[in-house]
Amino acid sequence: MPPLPRRARLWFVALATAALAACTLLLGPLAPANATATRQTEAASSLPACPFWASGITPPPRTTTPWVPPLQTAPAVDFSTRPAAPTITGTLVNGQVTVTVSPVPNAVAYKVWRDGVDIGYISYWGQTGPLTVTDSSPCQGAYYDVVAMYDTSNSDASLGQLSTPYWLGANGTLAPGAGDVAVGTQIPMMVTSYDNDGQTAAGYNSQLGVCATDPRVIPWGTYFTIPGYGTCYAADLGTWIQNDTVDVWLPGDQANNWGVQDKTVTVIADPYSTGSSPTTPASPTASASPSGSPTPSQSPTPSQSPSQSPTASASPSPTGSGTCAAAWSASTSYTKGAVVSYNGENYTATYVSTGAVPGAPTSWAVWTADSPCS
């Protein structure tokens, strides 16, 4: 059975809401506990439709062009070697969604997106209490993603894994998963291409296998296949990438040779979620440039600068080559530039941290290994 058009899906949501209201009239009011859930459901269903992230920009008309197949097939990019993504929870109350991020070891900041739009930047320096971001403009069927940052450079290397999408359901709560874009969904798309290098809107570097989508159609963190191209990972935006359009990255002239094509894409499950053998770590795309006419990408910017609160006691530098610095301590807060020794090796801190074990897999961006020492 072909997938329902988006408007048909929204019609069914409205029909279900009307049916619930009719049952309430016939059966009487629900119990107090259910009454809260009902108010949330009504609030969620009454939200406006999610707007395009760059409203007011109308792409020019485009038609299919001659096509030269790419010289390679895009593999499913793999982020599984990076630190795991944090999880989030959220509830719609009084027209706002408060998103709470569960912290992960050694992260110094978190970025949260709704439909690819940056809605919050949380700096973490050891404070207690929940880490929250408030989305003051939620919308129906919105998708939320979060990524942990392991230094404050905003570079590709500073980022962990991008979370899977969290969908704002009709009950007013966030739930993991792709919402109404289920695995196996097939969507007819206009597929364009570009070859621009640099960072994508999500912060990763552009490369083969990562694509720009309209997150209202294919949310960030979703894998999907494109006939003739390979596997895409949704993690970028583009001014011309609206509605049923996808922009794929290809090197050099291969991007022009792709041109503009009509393809049916298929949403697939994360191929690395079950521990498949890793490939080269991936990085999402940077700008939407249809068929040889690149348009600059617009990357979300942090809503606030990361703040670091050093309560640090930096260890002294080693006195000479091969001499161990003061031993690392789990209870000490270290500032950028602090030098410690651990398991017979000296390390230099790249940012403030407490409890980040030098040499540990999750501390790859926290400590720089200097040299063996004794």
Protein backbone atom coordinates (compact mmCIF):
# COMPACT_ATOMS: atom_id res chain seq x y z
CA MET A 1 0.00 0.00 0.00
CA PRO A 2 1.55 3.38 -0.96
CA PRO A 3 2.19 5.85 1.87
CA LEU A 4 -0.51 8.39 2.63
CA PRO A 5 0.12 11.98 1.54
CA ARG A 6 1.04 14.26 4.43
CA ARG A 7 -2.26 16.15 4.17
CA ALA A 8 -4.15 12.85 4.37
CA ARG A 9 -2.21 11.94 7.51
CA LEU A 10 -3.09 15.29 9.08
CA TRP A 11 -6.76 14.73 8.08
CA PHE A 12 -6.78 11.43 9.95
CA VAL A 13 -5.29 13.15 13.01
CA ALA A 14 -8.08 15.74 12.87
CA LEU A 15 -10.69 12.96 12.41
CA ALA A 16 -9.33 11.07 15.42
CA THR A 17 -9.47 14.25 17.52
CA ALA A 18 -13.09 14.82 16.50
CA ALA A 19 -13.95 11.22 17.40
CA LEU A 20 -12.39 11.69 20.84
CA ALA A 21 -14.48 14.81 21.40
CA ALA A 22 -17.66 12.92 20.41
CA CYS A 23 -16.88 10.11 22.86
CA THR A 24 -16.40 12.66 25.64
CA LEU A 25 -19.85 14.14 24.95
CA LEU A 26 -21.48 10.71 24.99
CA LEU A 27 -19.64 9.12 27.90
CA GLY A 28 -19.04 12.13 30.11
CA PRO A 29 -15.78 13.65 31.32
CA LEU A 30 -12.77 11.46 31.90
CA ALA A 31 -11.08 10.86 35.21
CA PRO A 32 -8.79 13.67 36.42
CA ALA A 33 -5.60 11.83 35.42
CA ASN A 34 -6.89 11.37 31.89
CA ALA A 35 -8.14 14.93 31.77
CA THR A 36 -4.56 16.20 31.81
CA ALA A 37 -3.65 13.93 28.91
CA THR A 38 -6.74 15.13 27.02
CA ARG A 39 -5.74 18.77 27.41
CA GLN A 40 -2.27 17.92 26.10
CA THR A 41 -3.77 16.07 23.13
CA GLU A 42 -6.00 19.00 22.28
CA ALA A 43 -3.08 21.40 22.60
CA ALA A 44 -0.88 19.28 20.34
CA SER A 45 -3.53 18.91 17.66
CA SER A 46 -4.20 22.64 17.66
CA LEU A 47 -0.57 23.63 17.02
CA PRO A 48 0.20 25.29 13.69
CA ALA A 49 1.80 23.33 10.88
CA CYS A 50 5.59 23.30 11.01
CA PRO A 51 6.94 26.20 8.93
CA PHE A 52 9.80 25.96 6.48
CA TRP A 53 13.06 26.91 8.18
CA ALA A 54 13.77 29.70 5.65
CA SER A 55 10.31 30.98 4.82
CA GLY A 56 9.92 33.44 1.97
CA ILE A 57 12.47 31.74 -0.30
CA THR A 58 10.90 30.20 -3.40
CA PRO A 59 13.11 27.88 -5.47
CA PRO A 60 12.96 28.40 -9.24
CA PRO A 61 11.14 25.81 -11.34
CA ARG A 62 13.35 22.85 -12.23
CA THR A 63 12.87 19.93 -14.59
CA THR A 64 14.75 16.68 -14.95
CA THR A 65 18.04 16.80 -16.84
CA PRO A 66 20.28 14.24 -18.59
CA TRP A 67 21.96 11.97 -16.05
CA VAL A 68 25.43 10.45 -15.85
CA PRO A 69 25.63 7.77 -13.13
CA PRO A 70 28.11 8.54 -10.32
CA LEU A 71 31.42 6.69 -10.34
CA GLN A 72 30.74 5.20 -6.91
CA THR A 73 27.85 4.14 -4.71
CA ALA A 74 27.41 6.12 -1.49
CA PRO A 75 27.76 3.85 1.56
CA ALA A 76 25.72 4.27 4.70
CA VAL A 77 27.85 6.72 6.69
CA ASP A 78 28.77 5.49 10.14
CA PHE A 79 28.90 7.59 13.30
CA SER A 80 28.98 4.62 15.67
CA THR A 81 32.66 5.17 16.55
CA ARG A 82 31.78 8.57 18.03
CA PRO A 83 30.44 8.98 21.57
CA ALA A 84 26.80 8.00 21.84
CA ALA A 85 24.05 10.55 21.43
CA PRO A 86 22.26 11.85 24.53
CA THR A 87 18.57 11.13 25.00
CA ILE A 88 15.85 13.71 25.51
CA THR A 89 12.38 13.93 26.99
CA GLY A 90 9.82 16.65 26.54
CA THR A 91 6.26 17.70 27.26
CA LEU A 92 3.95 20.25 25.67
CA VAL A 93 2.59 22.59 28.34
CA ASN A 94 0.95 25.99 27.77
CA GLY A 95 1.95 26.04 24.11
CA GLN A 96 5.65 25.36 24.78
CA VAL A 97 7.76 22.21 24.72
CA THR A 98 10.36 21.92 27.46
CA VAL A 99 13.09 19.58 26.24
CA THR A 100 15.26 17.93 28.91
CA VAL A 101 18.63 16.50 27.86
CA SER A 102 20.12 13.53 29.71
CA PRO A 103 23.85 14.32 30.03
CA VAL A 104 26.49 11.98 28.65
CA PRO A 105 30.06 11.59 30.00
CA ASN A 106 32.60 14.28 29.14
CA ALA A 107 30.28 16.47 27.05
CA VAL A 108 30.69 20.22 27.58
CA ALA A 109 27.65 21.39 25.61
CA TYR A 110 24.54 20.19 23.81
CA LYS A 111 22.71 21.47 20.75
CA VAL A 112 19.01 20.81 20.23
CA TRP A 113 17.15 21.20 16.93
CA ARG A 114 13.49 21.22 15.98
CA ASP A 115 13.02 20.36 12.32
CA GLY A 116 16.64 21.30 11.72
CA VAL A 117 16.25 24.74 13.33
CA ASP A 118 18.57 25.42 16.27
CA ILE A 119 16.34 26.02 19.30
CA GLY A 120 18.88 25.79 22.08
CA TYR A 121 22.52 25.50 23.09
CA ILE A 122 23.24 24.22 26.60
CA SER A 123 26.67 24.75 28.11
CA TYR A 124 27.57 22.15 30.73
CA TRP A 125 30.27 22.88 33.29
CA GLY A 126 29.26 20.56 36.12
CA GLN A 127 26.09 22.32 37.26
CA THR A 128 23.42 20.26 38.96
CA GLY A 129 19.76 20.16 37.99
CA PRO A 130 18.11 19.35 34.67
CA LEU A 131 19.57 20.55 31.40
CA THR A 132 16.63 22.06 29.54
CA VAL A 133 15.74 24.02 26.43
CA THR A 134 12.32 25.56 25.84
CA ASP A 135 10.83 25.51 22.37
CA SER A 136 8.45 28.47 22.37
CA SER A 137 7.20 27.79 18.81
CA PRO A 138 6.36 24.08 18.59
CA CYS A 139 4.36 22.78 15.64
CA GLN A 140 2.37 19.73 14.60
CA GLY A 141 4.44 16.64 13.91
CA ALA A 142 7.70 18.38 14.84
CA TYR A 143 10.94 16.44 15.07
CA TYR A 144 13.67 17.09 17.63
CA ASP A 145 17.33 16.04 17.52
CA VAL A 146 20.21 16.54 19.96
CA VAL A 147 23.98 16.17 19.74
CA ALA A 148 26.64 16.32 22.47
CA MET A 149 29.72 18.50 22.00
CA TYR A 150 33.09 17.51 23.45
CA ASP A 151 34.79 20.86 23.09
CA THR A 152 33.54 24.33 22.25
CA SER A 153 35.02 24.68 18.76
CA ASN A 154 31.76 23.81 16.92
CA SER A 155 33.93 21.68 14.63
CA ASP A 156 33.10 18.28 13.17
CA ALA A 157 35.55 16.66 15.57
CA SER A 158 33.80 18.18 18.58
CA LEU A 159 30.52 16.36 17.90
CA GLY A 160 29.26 13.00 19.03
CA GLN A 161 26.48 11.08 17.35
CA LEU A 162 23.35 12.91 16.24
CA SER A 163 20.35 11.43 17.99
CA THR A 164 17.56 9.67 16.21
CA PRO A 165 14.52 11.90 15.71
CA TYR A 166 12.16 12.46 18.63
CA TRP A 167 8.62 13.06 17.45
CA LEU A 168 6.11 15.38 19.13
CA GLY A 169 3.09 13.12 19.29
CA ALA A 170 -0.56 14.05 19.51
CA ASN A 171 -0.42 13.37 23.27
CA GLY A 172 1.98 16.28 23.72
CA THR A 173 5.08 14.24 24.61
CA LEU A 174 8.31 13.51 22.77
CA ALA A 175 8.94 9.91 21.77
CA PRO A 176 12.01 8.44 20.02
CA GLY A 177 11.63 7.21 16.48
CA ALA A 178 10.78 8.69 13.13
CA GLY A 179 7.17 9.51 13.96
CA ASP A 180 5.01 9.16 10.88
CA VAL A 181 8.03 8.56 8.61
CA ALA A 182 8.30 4.85 9.32
CA VAL A 183 10.97 2.48 8.03
CA GLY A 184 9.91 1.33 4.58
CA THR A 185 8.18 4.60 3.67
CA GLN A 186 8.69 5.46 0.01
CA ILE A 187 8.57 9.11 -1.10
CA PRO A 188 8.82 10.44 -4.67
CA MET A 189 11.52 13.12 -4.62
CA MET A 190 13.27 15.60 -6.85
CA VAL A 191 16.96 14.85 -6.20
CA THR A 192 19.54 17.57 -6.85
CA SER A 193 23.27 17.59 -6.15
CA TYR A 194 26.21 19.75 -5.06
CA ASP A 195 29.93 19.44 -4.38
CA ASN A 196 30.58 22.19 -1.81
CA ASP A 197 33.03 21.33 0.96
CA GLY A 198 32.81 22.50 4.55
CA GLN A 199 30.51 22.08 7.50
CA THR A 200 26.87 21.25 7.24
CA ALA A 201 24.05 22.82 9.22
CA ALA A 202 24.35 19.96 11.71
CA GLY A 203 28.06 20.71 12.18
CA TYR A 204 29.61 17.69 10.49
CA ASN A 205 31.77 17.97 7.39
CA SER A 206 30.09 17.43 4.01
CA GLN A 207 30.88 14.17 2.26
CA LEU A 208 29.53 11.30 0.19
CA GLY A 209 26.51 9.68 1.81
CA VAL A 210 25.07 12.68 3.67
CA CYS A 211 22.22 14.73 2.29
CA ALA A 212 20.16 17.85 2.79
CA THR A 213 16.44 17.36 3.35
CA ASP A 214 13.41 19.33 4.43
CA PRO A 215 13.09 17.95 7.99
CA ARG A 216 9.31 18.25 7.81
CA VAL A 217 9.47 15.44 5.24
CA ILE A 218 12.61 13.49 6.21
CA PRO A 219 13.86 14.40 9.70
CA TRP A 220 17.55 14.63 10.57
CA GLY A 221 19.10 11.40 11.77
CA THR A 222 17.14 9.34 9.20
CA TYR A 223 18.80 6.92 6.77
CA PHE A 224 17.24 6.44 3.34
CA THR A 225 18.26 5.03 -0.02
CA ILE A 226 18.20 6.74 -3.43
CA PRO A 227 18.30 4.66 -6.64
CA GLY A 228 21.48 5.42 -8.57
CA TYR A 229 23.15 7.16 -5.61
CA GLY A 230 23.27 4.83 -2.62
CA THR A 231 22.44 5.52 1.02
CA CYS A 232 21.84 8.98 2.47
CA TYR A 233 21.95 10.26 6.03
CA ALA A 234 19.74 13.32 6.59
CA ALA A 235 21.71 16.02 8.40
CA ASP A 236 21.65 19.25 6.43
CA LEU A 237 19.40 22.02 5.11
CA GLY A 238 19.37 24.10 1.98
CA THR A 239 17.47 27.17 0.85
CA TRP A 240 16.14 25.32 -2.20
CA ILE A 241 15.59 22.04 -0.36
CA GLN A 242 11.89 22.41 0.34
CA ASN A 243 9.09 19.87 0.55
CA ASP A 244 9.83 16.76 -1.56
CA THR A 245 13.40 17.69 -2.54
CA VAL A 246 16.70 16.09 -1.52
CA ASP A 247 20.22 17.40 -2.21
CA VAL A 248 23.01 14.81 -2.41
CA TRP A 249 26.75 15.39 -2.17
CA LEU A 250 28.99 14.22 -5.03
CA PRO A 251 32.62 15.07 -5.77
CA GLY A 252 33.58 17.53 -8.51
CA ASP A 253 31.96 17.16 -11.91
CA GLN A 254 29.89 14.21 -10.71
CA ALA A 255 27.55 16.71 -9.04
CA ASN A 256 26.87 18.49 -12.35
CA ASN A 257 26.51 15.15 -14.09
CA TRP A 258 23.76 14.18 -11.65
CA GLY A 259 21.74 17.30 -12.44
CA VAL A 260 18.07 17.12 -11.43
CA GLN A 261 16.44 13.70 -11.22
CA ASP A 262 13.09 12.29 -10.12
CA LYS A 263 13.66 9.35 -7.78
CA THR A 264 11.64 7.44 -5.21
CA VAL A 265 13.57 7.27 -1.93
CA THR A 266 13.03 4.61 0.73
CA VAL A 267 13.47 5.22 4.48
CA ILE A 268 15.55 2.48 6.13
CA ALA A 269 16.59 1.61 9.68
CA ASP A 270 19.93 2.77 11.11
CA PRO A 271 22.27 0.11 9.67
CA TYR A 272 24.68 0.52 12.60
CA SER A 273 22.20 0.32 15.47
CA THR A 274 22.80 -3.43 15.93
CA GLY A 275 26.59 -3.22 16.05
CA SER A 276 27.42 -3.76 12.38
CA SER A 277 31.08 -3.47 11.47
CA PRO A 278 32.07 0.19 11.25
CA THR A 279 33.21 2.06 8.17
CA THR A 280 34.74 5.50 7.83
CA PRO A 281 33.11 7.93 10.31
CA ALA A 282 30.63 10.14 8.58
CA SER A 283 29.85 13.78 8.22
CA PRO A 284 26.71 15.53 6.92
CA THR A 285 26.36 18.09 4.11
CA ALA A 286 26.82 21.80 3.83
CA SER A 287 24.88 23.66 1.19
CA ALA A 288 21.99 23.13 -1.09
CA SER A 289 23.09 23.69 -4.63
CA PRO A 290 20.77 22.35 -7.25
CA SER A 291 22.31 21.27 -10.51
CA GLY A 292 25.41 23.40 -10.72
CA SER A 293 23.97 26.55 -9.15
CA PRO A 294 25.12 26.37 -5.56
CA THR A 295 23.31 28.33 -2.92
CA PRO A 296 25.06 28.91 0.38
CA SER A 297 23.95 26.71 3.23
CA GLN A 298 22.64 28.30 6.36
CA SER A 299 23.88 26.58 9.46
CA PRO A 300 22.05 27.02 12.74
CA THR A 301 24.04 29.12 15.17
CA PRO A 302 24.19 28.58 18.91
CA SER A 303 21.61 30.52 20.84
CA GLN A 304 24.28 31.38 23.38
CA SER A 305 28.00 31.10 23.65
CA PRO A 306 29.26 28.13 25.60
CA SER A 307 30.23 29.16 29.06
CA GLN A 308 32.98 27.38 30.90
CA SER A 309 33.21 27.71 34.62
CA PRO A 310 36.71 26.61 35.51
CA THR A 311 37.10 25.55 39.08
CA ALA A 312 40.28 24.03 37.91
CA SER A 313 43.54 23.12 39.37
CA ALA A 314 45.92 22.58 36.51
CA SER A 315 48.79 20.19 36.98
CA PRO A 316 52.29 21.45 36.28
CA SER A 317 53.97 20.74 32.99
CA PRO A 318 56.45 17.88 32.94
CA THR A 319 59.96 18.92 33.90
CA GLY A 320 61.57 17.21 30.95
CA SER A 321 61.18 14.76 28.09
CA GLY A 322 59.93 11.44 29.37
CA THR A 323 59.17 12.80 32.86
CA CYS A 324 55.66 12.16 34.14
CA ALA A 325 53.55 15.12 35.14
CA ALA A 326 51.40 15.01 38.27
CA ALA A 327 49.04 12.06 38.22
CA TRP A 328 45.50 12.57 36.96
CA SER A 329 42.84 12.72 39.66
CA ALA A 330 39.15 11.94 39.11
CA SER A 331 38.13 14.55 41.69
CA THR A 332 40.11 17.45 40.18
CA SER A 333 38.63 19.93 37.71
CA TYR A 334 41.17 20.59 34.96
CA THR A 335 41.31 23.65 32.71
CA LYS A 336 42.45 23.81 29.12
CA GLY A 337 46.23 23.36 28.93
CA ALA A 338 46.55 21.36 32.14
CA VAL A 339 49.06 18.50 31.89
CA VAL A 340 48.68 15.22 33.74
CA SER A 341 50.04 11.71 33.58
CA TYR A 342 48.00 8.54 33.47
CA ASN A 343 49.08 4.92 32.94
CA GLY A 344 52.61 5.94 31.96
CA GLU A 345 51.67 8.69 29.50
CA ASN A 346 51.40 12.48 29.66
CA TYR A 347 48.20 14.18 28.49
CA THR A 348 47.25 17.84 27.86
CA ALA A 349 43.69 19.01 28.53
CA THR A 350 41.85 20.50 25.56
CA TYR A 351 39.06 22.03 27.71
CA VAL A 352 37.73 22.07 31.26
CA SER A 353 36.70 18.65 32.56
CA THR A 354 36.15 16.64 35.72
CA GLY A 355 36.30 12.87 35.81
CA ALA A 356 37.21 12.42 32.13
CA VAL A 357 39.71 9.54 32.13
CA PRO A 358 42.73 10.25 29.89
CA GLY A 359 42.96 7.74 27.06
CA ALA A 360 39.38 6.49 27.48
CA PRO A 361 37.32 6.09 24.27
CA THR A 362 34.85 8.77 25.39
CA SER A 363 37.68 11.20 26.22
CA TRP A 364 39.12 11.43 22.72
CA ALA A 365 38.35 15.16 22.53
CA VAL A 366 39.07 15.88 26.20
CA TRP A 367 42.76 14.93 26.47
CA THR A 368 45.56 15.02 23.89
CA ALA A 369 48.16 12.29 24.36
CA ASP A 370 51.67 13.80 24.50
CA SER A 371 54.28 11.07 25.06
CA PRO A 372 55.10 8.08 27.23
CA CYS A 373 56.68 9.01 30.54
CA SER A 374 58.25 7.43 33.57
